[in-house]
C-alpha atoms as a PDB file:
ATOM      1  CA  MET A   1      40.479  33.107  -1.551  1.00  0.00           C
ATOM      2  CA  ASP A   2      41.741  35.730   0.787  1.00  0.00           C
ATOM      3  CA  ALA A   3      37.881  36.422   1.555  1.00  0.00           C
ATOM      4  CA  TYR A   4      37.342  32.785   2.432  1.00  0.00           C
ATOM      5  CA  LEU A   5      40.250  33.090   5.033  1.00  0.00           C
ATOM      6  CA  ALA A   6      38.646  36.559   6.225  1.00  0.00           C
ATOM      7  CA  ARG A   7      35.455  34.536   6.831  1.00  0.00           C
ATOM      8  CA  LEU A   8      37.142  31.936   8.811  1.00  0.00           C
ATOM      9  CA  GLY A   9      39.211  34.525  10.766  1.00  0.00           C
ATOM     10  CA  MET A  10      42.437  33.625   9.310  1.00  0.00           C
ATOM     11  CA  ASP A  11      45.243  34.833   8.026  1.00  0.00           C
ATOM     12  CA  ARG A  12      46.947  32.842   4.923  1.00  0.00           C
ATOM     13  CA  PRO A  13      49.142  30.242   6.691  1.00  0.00           C
ATOM     14  CA  ARG A  14      52.627  29.973   5.395  1.00  0.00           C
ATOM     15  CA  HIS A  15      52.760  26.184   5.403  1.00  0.00           C
ATOM     16  CA  ALA A  16      50.120  23.518   4.394  1.00  0.00           C
ATOM     17  CA  ASP A  17      50.756  21.517   7.269  1.00  0.00           C
ATOM     18  CA  ALA A  18      49.092  19.114   9.408  1.00  0.00           C
ATOM     19  CA  ALA A  19      48.574  21.993  11.976  1.00  0.00           C
ATOM     20  CA  HIS A  20      46.974  24.470   9.761  1.00  0.00           C
ATOM     21  CA  LEU A  21      44.875  21.898   8.162  1.00  0.00           C
ATOM     22  CA  SER A  22      43.515  21.158  11.570  1.00  0.00           C
ATOM     23  CA  GLU A  23      42.811  24.711  12.506  1.00  0.00           C
ATOM     24  CA  LEU A  24      40.972  25.467   8.946  1.00  0.00           C
ATOM     25  CA  GLN A  25      38.781  22.437   9.363  1.00  0.00           C
ATOM     26  CA  LEU A  26      37.650  23.415  13.021  1.00  0.00           C
ATOM     27  CA  ARG A  27      37.344  27.242  12.143  1.00  0.00           C
ATOM     28  CA  HIS A  28      35.271  26.277   8.882  1.00  0.00           C
ATOM     29  CA  LEU A  29      32.969  24.193  11.204  1.00  0.00           C
ATOM     30  CA  ARG A  30      32.186  26.656  13.541  1.00  0.00           C
ATOM     31  CA  THR A  31      31.693  29.513  10.952  1.00  0.00           C
ATOM     32  CA  VAL A  32      30.300  28.162   7.883  1.00  0.00           C
ATOM     33  CA  PRO A  33      27.144  26.399   8.526  1.00  0.00           C
ATOM     34  CA  PHE A  34      25.905  23.211   7.423  1.00  0.00           C
ATOM     35  CA  GLU A  35      22.421  23.814   5.805  1.00  0.00           C
ATOM     36  CA  ASN A  36      19.891  22.632   3.276  1.00  0.00           C
ATOM     37  CA  LEU A  37      18.000  25.859   2.676  1.00  0.00           C
ATOM     38  CA  SER A  38      18.479  26.006  -0.842  1.00  0.00           C
ATOM     39  CA  VAL A  39      16.688  22.732  -1.019  1.00  0.00           C
ATOM     40  CA  HIS A  40      13.626  24.796   0.501  1.00  0.00           C
ATOM     41  CA  LEU A  41      14.364  28.067  -1.513  1.00  0.00           C
ATOM     42  CA  GLY A  42      14.155  26.646  -4.616  1.00  0.00           C
ATOM     43  CA  GLU A  43      17.554  27.535  -5.323  1.00  0.00           C
ATOM     44  CA  GLU A  44      20.083  25.328  -7.964  1.00  0.00           C
ATOM     45  CA  ILE A  45      22.872  23.828  -6.549  1.00  0.00           C
ATOM     46  CA  VAL A  46      25.507  23.999  -8.944  1.00  0.00           C
ATOM     47  CA  LEU A  47      28.661  21.782  -8.296  1.00  0.00           C
ATOM     48  CA  GLU A  48      31.310  23.819  -9.897  1.00  0.00           C
ATOM     49  CA  GLN A  49      33.818  26.371  -7.992  1.00  0.00           C
ATOM     50  CA  LYS A  50      32.744  29.703  -8.997  1.00  0.00           C
ATOM     51  CA  PRO A  51      29.209  29.231  -8.059  1.00  0.00           C
ATOM     52  CA  LEU A  52      30.185  27.456  -4.900  1.00  0.00           C
ATOM     53  CA  LEU A  53      32.368  30.174  -3.806  1.00  0.00           C
ATOM     54  CA  ASP A  54      29.899  32.962  -4.913  1.00  0.00           C
ATOM     55  CA  LYS A  55      27.431  31.186  -2.418  1.00  0.00           C
ATOM     56  CA  ILE A  56      29.654  30.379   0.662  1.00  0.00           C
ATOM     57  CA  VAL A  57      32.009  33.182   0.359  1.00  0.00           C
ATOM     58  CA  GLY A  58      30.299  36.235  -1.518  1.00  0.00           C
ATOM     59  CA  ALA A  59      26.876  35.380  -0.203  1.00  0.00           C
ATOM     60  CA  GLY A  60      28.241  34.214   3.413  1.00  0.00           C
ATOM     61  CA  ARG A  61      25.869  30.999   3.412  1.00  0.00           C
ATOM     62  CA  GLY A  62      26.597  27.434   4.017  1.00  0.00           C
ATOM     63  CA  GLY A  63      25.671  24.339   2.424  1.00  0.00           C
ATOM     64  CA  PHE A  64      25.488  20.367   2.498  1.00  0.00           C
ATOM     65  CA  CYS A  65      28.487  18.010   1.650  1.00  0.00           C
ATOM     66  CA  TYR A  66      28.881  18.802  -1.963  1.00  0.00           C
ATOM     67  CA  GLU A  67      29.219  22.395  -1.451  1.00  0.00           C
ATOM     68  CA  LEU A  68      30.811  22.626   1.765  1.00  0.00           C
ATOM     69  CA  ASN A  69      33.528  20.111   0.714  1.00  0.00           C
ATOM     70  CA  GLY A  70      33.836  21.366  -2.613  1.00  0.00           C
ATOM     71  CA  ALA A  71      34.235  24.775  -1.824  1.00  0.00           C
ATOM     72  CA  PHE A  72      37.003  23.894   1.271  1.00  0.00           C
ATOM     73  CA  ALA A  73      38.730  21.493  -1.221  1.00  0.00           C
ATOM     74  CA  ALA A  74      39.336  24.929  -3.683  1.00  0.00           C
ATOM     75  CA  LEU A  75      40.455  26.745  -0.711  1.00  0.00           C
ATOM     76  CA  LEU A  76      42.930  24.017   0.446  1.00  0.00           C
ATOM     77  CA  LYS A  77      44.253  23.402  -2.984  1.00  0.00           C
ATOM     78  CA  ASP A  78      45.069  27.158  -3.084  1.00  0.00           C
ATOM     79  CA  LEU A  79      46.938  26.894   0.013  1.00  0.00           C
ATOM     80  CA  GLY A  80      49.204  24.196  -1.103  1.00  0.00           C
ATOM     81  CA  TYR A  81      47.211  21.224   0.152  1.00  0.00           C
ATOM     82  CA  ALA A  82      46.793  18.011  -2.240  1.00  0.00           C
ATOM     83  CA  VAL A  83      43.512  17.139  -2.452  1.00  0.00           C
ATOM     84  CA  THR A  84      41.335  14.068  -3.495  1.00  0.00           C
ATOM     85  CA  HIS A  85      37.775  13.998  -3.656  1.00  0.00           C
ATOM     86  CA  LEU A  86      36.319  10.811  -2.562  1.00  0.00           C
ATOM     87  CA  GLN A  87      32.632   9.536  -2.807  1.00  0.00           C
ATOM     88  CA  ALA A  88      31.114   7.748   0.317  1.00  0.00           C
ATOM     89  CA  ARG A  89      27.853   6.198   1.331  1.00  0.00           C
ATOM     90  CA  VAL A  90      26.077   6.831   4.542  1.00  0.00           C
ATOM     91  CA  PHE A  91      24.710   4.104   6.529  1.00  0.00           C
ATOM     92  CA  ASP A  92      20.928   4.341   7.718  1.00  0.00           C
ATOM     93  CA  GLU A  93      19.645   3.587  11.227  1.00  0.00           C
ATOM     94  CA  ASP A  94      19.089   0.218  10.198  1.00  0.00           C
ATOM     95  CA  GLY A  95      22.376  -0.221   8.757  1.00  0.00           C
ATOM     96  CA  ARG A  96      21.502   0.246   4.771  1.00  0.00           C
ATOM     97  CA  LEU A  97      23.889   1.686   2.696  1.00  0.00           C
ATOM     98  CA  GLY A  98      22.486   5.030   0.757  1.00  0.00           C
ATOM     99  CA  ILE A  99      22.877   5.702  -2.904  1.00  0.00           C
ATOM    100  CA  PRO A 100      26.481   6.104  -4.684  1.00  0.00           C
ATOM    101  CA  TYR A 101      27.714   9.429  -4.504  1.00  0.00           C
ATOM    102  CA  ASP A 102      25.792   9.890  -1.497  1.00  0.00           C
ATOM    103  CA  HIS A 103      28.575  12.045   0.679  1.00  0.00           C
ATOM    104  CA  LEU A 104      31.955  13.728  -0.353  1.00  0.00           C
ATOM    105  CA  VAL A 105      34.639  13.645   1.751  1.00  0.00           C
ATOM    106  CA  LEU A 106      38.346  14.771   1.027  1.00  0.00           C
ATOM    107  CA  LEU A 107      41.739  13.141   1.531  1.00  0.00           C
ATOM    108  CA  VAL A 108      44.264  15.760   1.966  1.00  0.00           C
ATOM    109  CA  GLU A 109      48.462  15.339   1.697  1.00  0.00           C
ATOM    110  CA  THR A 110      50.376  18.303   3.475  1.00  0.00           C
ATOM    111  CA  GLU A 111      53.321  19.415   2.880  1.00  0.00           C
ATOM    112  CA  ASP A 112      55.406  18.258   5.914  1.00  0.00           C
ATOM    113  CA  ALA A 113      54.802  14.504   5.054  1.00  0.00           C
ATOM    114  CA  ALA A 114      52.503  13.847   8.100  1.00  0.00           C
ATOM    115  CA  GLY A 115      50.817  11.523   6.503  1.00  0.00           C
ATOM    116  CA  ARG A 116      47.548  11.588   4.684  1.00  0.00           C
ATOM    117  CA  TRP A 117      44.103  13.031   6.601  1.00  0.00           C
ATOM    118  CA  LEU A 118      40.301  12.511   5.974  1.00  0.00           C
ATOM    119  CA  VAL A 119      39.088  15.840   5.915  1.00  0.00           C
ATOM    120  CA  ASP A 120      35.215  16.319   6.174  1.00  0.00           C
ATOM    121  CA  VAL A 121      33.356  19.628   6.782  1.00  0.00           C
ATOM    122  CA  GLY A 122      29.976  18.750   5.274  1.00  0.00           C
ATOM    123  CA  PHE A 123      28.518  15.834   7.623  1.00  0.00           C
ATOM    124  CA  GLY A 124      26.930  17.794  10.292  1.00  0.00           C
ATOM    125  CA  ASP A 125      27.813  16.630  13.702  1.00  0.00           C
ATOM    126  CA  HIS A 126      31.033  14.933  12.865  1.00  0.00           C
ATOM    127  CA  THR A 127      34.549  15.310  13.476  1.00  0.00           C
ATOM    128  CA  HIS A 128      36.233  18.323  15.022  1.00  0.00           C
ATOM    129  CA  HIS A 129      39.559  17.706  13.346  1.00  0.00           C
ATOM    130  CA  PRO A 130      41.286  15.600  10.416  1.00  0.00           C
ATOM    131  CA  LEU A 131      41.541  11.974  10.807  1.00  0.00           C
ATOM    132  CA  ALA A 132      44.553   9.998   9.985  1.00  0.00           C
ATOM    133  CA  PHE A 133      43.461   8.352   6.735  1.00  0.00           C
ATOM    134  CA  ASP A 134      46.261   5.170   7.196  1.00  0.00           C
ATOM    135  CA  LEU A 135      45.680   4.888  10.815  1.00  0.00           C
ATOM    136  CA  ARG A 136      43.501   1.464  11.637  1.00  0.00           C
ATOM    137  CA  GLU A 137      43.397   2.354  15.364  1.00  0.00           C
ATOM    138  CA  ASP A 138      40.988   4.529  17.382  1.00  0.00           C
ATOM    139  CA  GLN A 139      41.304   8.508  17.055  1.00  0.00           C
ATOM    140  CA  SER A 140      40.199  10.240  19.900  1.00  0.00           C
ATOM    141  CA  ASP A 141      38.337  13.497  18.872  1.00  0.00           C
ATOM    142  CA  PRO A 142      36.191  16.229  20.718  1.00  0.00           C
ATOM    143  CA  ALA A 143      33.320  14.339  18.698  1.00  0.00           C
ATOM    144  CA  GLY A 144      33.742  10.997  20.061  1.00  0.00           C
ATOM    145  CA  THR A 145      36.346   8.078  18.951  1.00  0.00           C
ATOM    146  CA  PHE A 146      36.515   7.113  15.745  1.00  0.00           C
ATOM    147  CA  ARG A 147      38.192   4.437  13.347  1.00  0.00           C
ATOM    148  CA  LEU A 148      38.757   3.890   9.890  1.00  0.00           C
ATOM    149  CA  VAL A 149      38.259   0.077   9.030  1.00  0.00           C
ATOM    150  CA  GLU A 150      38.844  -1.783   5.819  1.00  0.00           C
ATOM    151  CA  THR A 151      35.955  -3.609   4.336  1.00  0.00           C
ATOM    152  CA  GLY A 152      35.537  -7.410   5.715  1.00  0.00           C
ATOM    153  CA  GLY A 153      37.764  -7.061   8.579  1.00  0.00           C
ATOM    154  CA  GLU A 154      36.893  -7.978  12.139  1.00  0.00           C
ATOM    155  CA  TRP A 155      35.034  -4.855  12.634  1.00  0.00           C
ATOM    156  CA  GLY A 156      33.076  -5.476   9.210  1.00  0.00           C
ATOM    157  CA  ASP A 157      29.272  -5.280   9.191  1.00  0.00           C
ATOM    158  CA  GLY A 158      28.527  -8.180   6.870  1.00  0.00           C
ATOM    159  CA  ILE A 159      27.706  -5.614   4.230  1.00  0.00           C
ATOM    160  CA  HIS A 160      30.136  -6.327   1.045  1.00  0.00           C
ATOM    161  CA  GLY A 161      32.784  -3.575   0.322  1.00  0.00           C
ATOM    162  CA  ASP A 162      34.952  -3.503  -2.908  1.00  0.00           C
ATOM    163  CA  HIS A 163      38.781  -4.066  -1.878  1.00  0.00           C
ATOM    164  CA  GLY A 164      40.114  -0.642  -0.744  1.00  0.00           C
ATOM    165  CA  ASP A 165      36.908   0.423   0.563  1.00  0.00           C
ATOM    166  CA  LEU A 166      36.922   2.083   4.230  1.00  0.00           C
ATOM    167  CA  ASP A 167      34.176   2.148   7.111  1.00  0.00           C
ATOM    168  CA  LEU A 168      34.315   5.249   9.089  1.00  0.00           C
ATOM    169  CA  TYR A 169      33.253   4.089  12.660  1.00  0.00           C
ATOM    170  CA  ARG A 170      31.952   6.567  15.460  1.00  0.00           C
ATOM    171  CA  ASP A 171      32.026   5.078  18.839  1.00  0.00           C
ATOM    172  CA  GLY A 172      31.484   1.777  17.520  1.00  0.00           C
ATOM    173  CA  LYS A 173      28.432   2.795  15.309  1.00  0.00           C
ATOM    174  CA  PRO A 174      29.402   2.891  11.240  1.00  0.00           C
ATOM    175  CA  GLN A 175      28.653   6.783   9.777  1.00  0.00           C
ATOM    176  CA  PHE A 176      29.452   6.083   6.380  1.00  0.00           C
ATOM    177  CA  ARG A 177      31.582   3.979   3.545  1.00  0.00           C
ATOM    178  CA  ILE A 178      34.507   5.204   1.607  1.00  0.00           C
ATOM    179  CA  GLU A 179      35.445   4.209  -1.774  1.00  0.00           C
ATOM    180  CA  THR A 180      39.181   5.042  -2.294  1.00  0.00           C
ATOM    181  CA  ARG A 181      39.236   5.768  -6.064  1.00  0.00           C
ATOM    182  CA  PRO A 182      39.854   9.564  -6.854  1.00  0.00           C
ATOM    183  CA  ARG A 183      36.849  11.156  -8.231  1.00  0.00           C
ATOM    184  CA  VAL A 184      36.138  14.829  -9.575  1.00  0.00           C
ATOM    185  CA  LEU A 185      33.357  17.443  -8.046  1.00  0.00           C
ATOM    186  CA  ALA A 186      31.228  16.875 -11.445  1.00  0.00           C
ATOM    187  CA  ASP A 187      31.046  13.064 -10.289  1.00  0.00           C
ATOM    188  CA  PHE A 188      28.806  14.335  -7.721  1.00  0.00           C
ATOM    189  CA  THR A 189      26.056  15.872  -9.567  1.00  0.00           C
ATOM    190  CA  ALA A 190      23.969  13.079  -9.848  1.00  0.00           C
ATOM    191  CA  GLY A 191      24.114  12.491  -5.898  1.00  0.00           C
ATOM    192  CA  ALA A 192      23.529  16.317  -5.223  1.00  0.00           C
ATOM    193  CA  TRP A 193      20.368  16.231  -7.578  1.00  0.00           C
ATOM    194  CA  TRP A 194      18.862  13.321  -5.932  1.00  0.00           C
ATOM    195  CA  HIS A 195      19.328  14.831  -2.371  1.00  0.00           C
ATOM    196  CA  SER A 196      17.796  17.964  -3.481  1.00  0.00           C
ATOM    197  CA  THR A 197      14.847  16.457  -5.293  1.00  0.00           C
ATOM    198  CA  SER A 198      13.750  13.421  -4.422  1.00  0.00           C
ATOM    199  CA  PRO A 199      11.109  12.765  -1.925  1.00  0.00           C
ATOM    200  CA  ARG A 200      13.112   9.800  -0.089  1.00  0.00           C
ATOM    201  CA  SER A 201      15.805  12.312   0.696  1.00  0.00           C
ATOM    202  CA  HIS A 202      16.098  13.467   3.953  1.00  0.00           C
ATOM    203  CA  PHE A 203      17.441  16.809   2.900  1.00  0.00           C
ATOM    204  CA  THR A 204      13.791  17.020   1.489  1.00  0.00           C
ATOM    205  CA  GLN A 205      11.840  15.974   4.198  1.00  0.00           C
ATOM    206  CA  SER A 206      13.950  18.184   6.775  1.00  0.00           C
ATOM    207  CA  LEU A 207      15.049  21.759   6.977  1.00  0.00           C
ATOM    208  CA  VAL A 208      18.303  22.413   8.986  1.00  0.00           C
ATOM    209  CA  CYS A 209      20.799  25.055   9.619  1.00  0.00           C
ATOM    210  CA  SER A 210      23.691  23.834  11.892  1.00  0.00           C
ATOM    211  CA  ARG A 211      27.071  25.003  12.822  1.00  0.00           C
ATOM    212  CA  LEU A 212      29.563  23.974  15.477  1.00  0.00           C
ATOM    213  CA  THR A 213      30.395  26.166  18.384  1.00  0.00           C
ATOM    214  CA  GLU A 214      33.187  26.521  21.158  1.00  0.00           C
ATOM    215  CA  ASP A 215      31.440  24.840  23.747  1.00  0.00           C
ATOM    216  CA  GLY A 216      28.479  22.976  21.636  1.00  0.00           C
ATOM    217  CA  ARG A 217      26.406  23.395  18.522  1.00  0.00           C
ATOM    218  CA  LEU A 218      23.696  25.621  17.361  1.00  0.00           C
ATOM    219  CA  THR A 219      20.857  24.461  15.057  1.00  0.00           C
ATOM    220  CA  LEU A 220      17.740  26.251  13.620  1.00  0.00           C
ATOM    221  CA  SER A 221      14.889  23.652  12.384  1.00  0.00           C
ATOM    222  CA  GLY A 222      11.745  25.848  10.888  1.00  0.00           C
ATOM    223  CA  HIS A 223      10.696  27.769  14.230  1.00  0.00           C
ATOM    224  CA  THR A 224      12.743  25.857  16.569  1.00  0.00           C
ATOM    225  CA  LEU A 225      16.343  27.069  18.042  1.00  0.00           C
ATOM    226  CA  VAL A 226      18.414  24.331  19.706  1.00  0.00           C
ATOM    227  CA  THR A 227      21.351  25.440  22.020  1.00  0.00           C
ATOM    228  CA  THR A 228      23.799  22.851  23.241  1.00  0.00           C
ATOM    229  CA  ALA A 229      26.682  23.905  25.258  1.00  0.00           C
ATOM    230  CA  HIS A 230      28.579  21.880  27.766  1.00  0.00           C
ATOM    231  CA  GLY A 231      26.266  19.014  27.212  1.00  0.00           C
ATOM    232  CA  GLU A 232      23.422  20.954  28.101  1.00  0.00           C
ATOM    233  CA  ARG A 233      20.408  21.374  25.399  1.00  0.00           C
ATOM    234  CA  HIS A 234      17.882  24.286  25.515  1.00  0.00           C
ATOM    235  CA  THR A 235      15.028  24.807  22.953  1.00  0.00           C
ATOM    236  CA  GLU A 236      13.378  27.876  22.236  1.00  0.00           C
ATOM    237  CA  GLN A 237      10.423  28.260  19.749  1.00  0.00           C
ATOM    238  CA  LEU A 238      10.742  31.415  17.805  1.00  0.00           C
ATOM    239  CA  SER A 239       7.616  33.473  17.612  1.00  0.00           C
ATOM    240  CA  ASP A 240       7.244  34.473  14.573  1.00  0.00           C
ATOM    241  CA  ASP A 241       8.815  34.665  10.885  1.00  0.00           C
ATOM    242  CA  ALA A 242      10.582  37.660  11.629  1.00  0.00           C
ATOM    243  CA  ALA A 243      12.258  36.321  14.637  1.00  0.00           C
ATOM    244  CA  VAL A 244      13.378  33.142  12.432  1.00  0.00           C
ATOM    245  CA  LEU A 245      14.915  35.556   9.658  1.00  0.00           C
ATOM    246  CA  ALA A 246      16.853  37.488  12.615  1.00  0.00           C
ATOM    247  CA  ALA A 247      17.891  34.117  13.854  1.00  0.00           C
ATOM    248  CA  TYR A 248      19.552  33.264  10.424  1.00  0.00           C
ATOM    249  CA  ARG A 249      21.303  36.463  10.371  1.00  0.00           C
ATOM    250  CA  ASP A 250      22.511  36.842  13.947  1.00  0.00           C
ATOM    251  CA  HIS A 251      23.484  33.345  14.352  1.00  0.00           C
ATOM    252  CA  PHE A 252      24.419  31.864  11.483  1.00  0.00           C
ATOM    253  CA  GLY A 253      25.482  35.173   9.604  1.00  0.00           C
ATOM    254  CA  ILE A 254      22.786  34.406   6.594  1.00  0.00           C
ATOM    255  CA  VAL A 255      20.808  37.045   5.431  1.00  0.00           C
ATOM    256  CA  LEU A 256      17.544  35.949   3.911  1.00  0.00           C
ATOM    257  CA  ASP A 257      14.897  38.038   2.301  1.00  0.00           C
ATOM    258  CA  ARG A 258      12.310  35.054   2.942  1.00  0.00           C
ATOM    259  CA  LEU A 259      12.107  31.926   4.985  1.00  0.00           C
ATOM    260  CA  PRO A 260      12.485  28.250   3.322  1.00  0.00           C
ATOM    261  CA  ALA A 261       9.649  26.412   2.929  1.00  0.00           C
ATOM    262  CA  ASP A 262       9.357  23.975   5.977  1.00  0.00           C
ATOM    263  CA  PRO A 263       8.379  20.493   4.500  1.00  0.00           C
ATOM    264  CA  ARG A 264       6.948  19.445   7.753  1.00  0.00           C
ATOM    265  CA  ASP A 265       4.217  22.178   7.148  1.00  0.00           C
ATOM    266  CA  ALA A 266       2.954  20.062   4.325  1.00  0.00           C
ATOM    267  CA  THR A 267       3.041  16.794   6.267  1.00  0.00           C
ATOM    268  CA  ARG A 268       1.121  18.442   9.180  1.00  0.00           C
ATOM    269  CA  ARG A 269      -1.648  19.650   6.896  1.00  0.00           C
END
């Protein structure tokens, strides 16, 4: 866990409070990339604490939601936070919900009685800071205006949700639906398997490595490096495989001996 904190550039916090929780989430988003490279490298995704920490801390890699939030939960627990795994289903562009265990989020309680927090370091371009879990009003974040809404309320989208479910909106658009029943990491195994193997999963259809920066975002997809800074977007086509491997290393700290297969190459043939 000390090595995990060292990767985030932090000393061990003296208190498991809300301020340190916010700093931990932000540093995680800026340091540990959201990436699905294992899906296209043929690497097994194992939702157990040791393999996750071996990958994210030992190998300096990132991952997708199950891995990132799974590992982050272990760190937060070690630091004294109370952490609960919750399952969520992501809304697609047409407003339809994804599969059960589509996404993993964390419900975190601090020792300073500052309330309960929705923590998520595994949804790509998303909140920079934790959201107050029990607040049903707009919450401002550098990534936009967020709101947690009980399903069936006046903000409801007409899709039936069980009692206690919450929909998370970003700038008025639904992002995912959270089921508030506690889960354990192993419960998400089927979801991780589906997303890493199904031809219908967007993770098998795309190749992405992305992280937050102080003034924007860096995203590498295949040979395309996209830099967003202060709202301006710059796209660079990398010349060859060596340049792509160097970009993974220099921009994301990921050292690979071969490139992951790009699923779009098969589509173009």
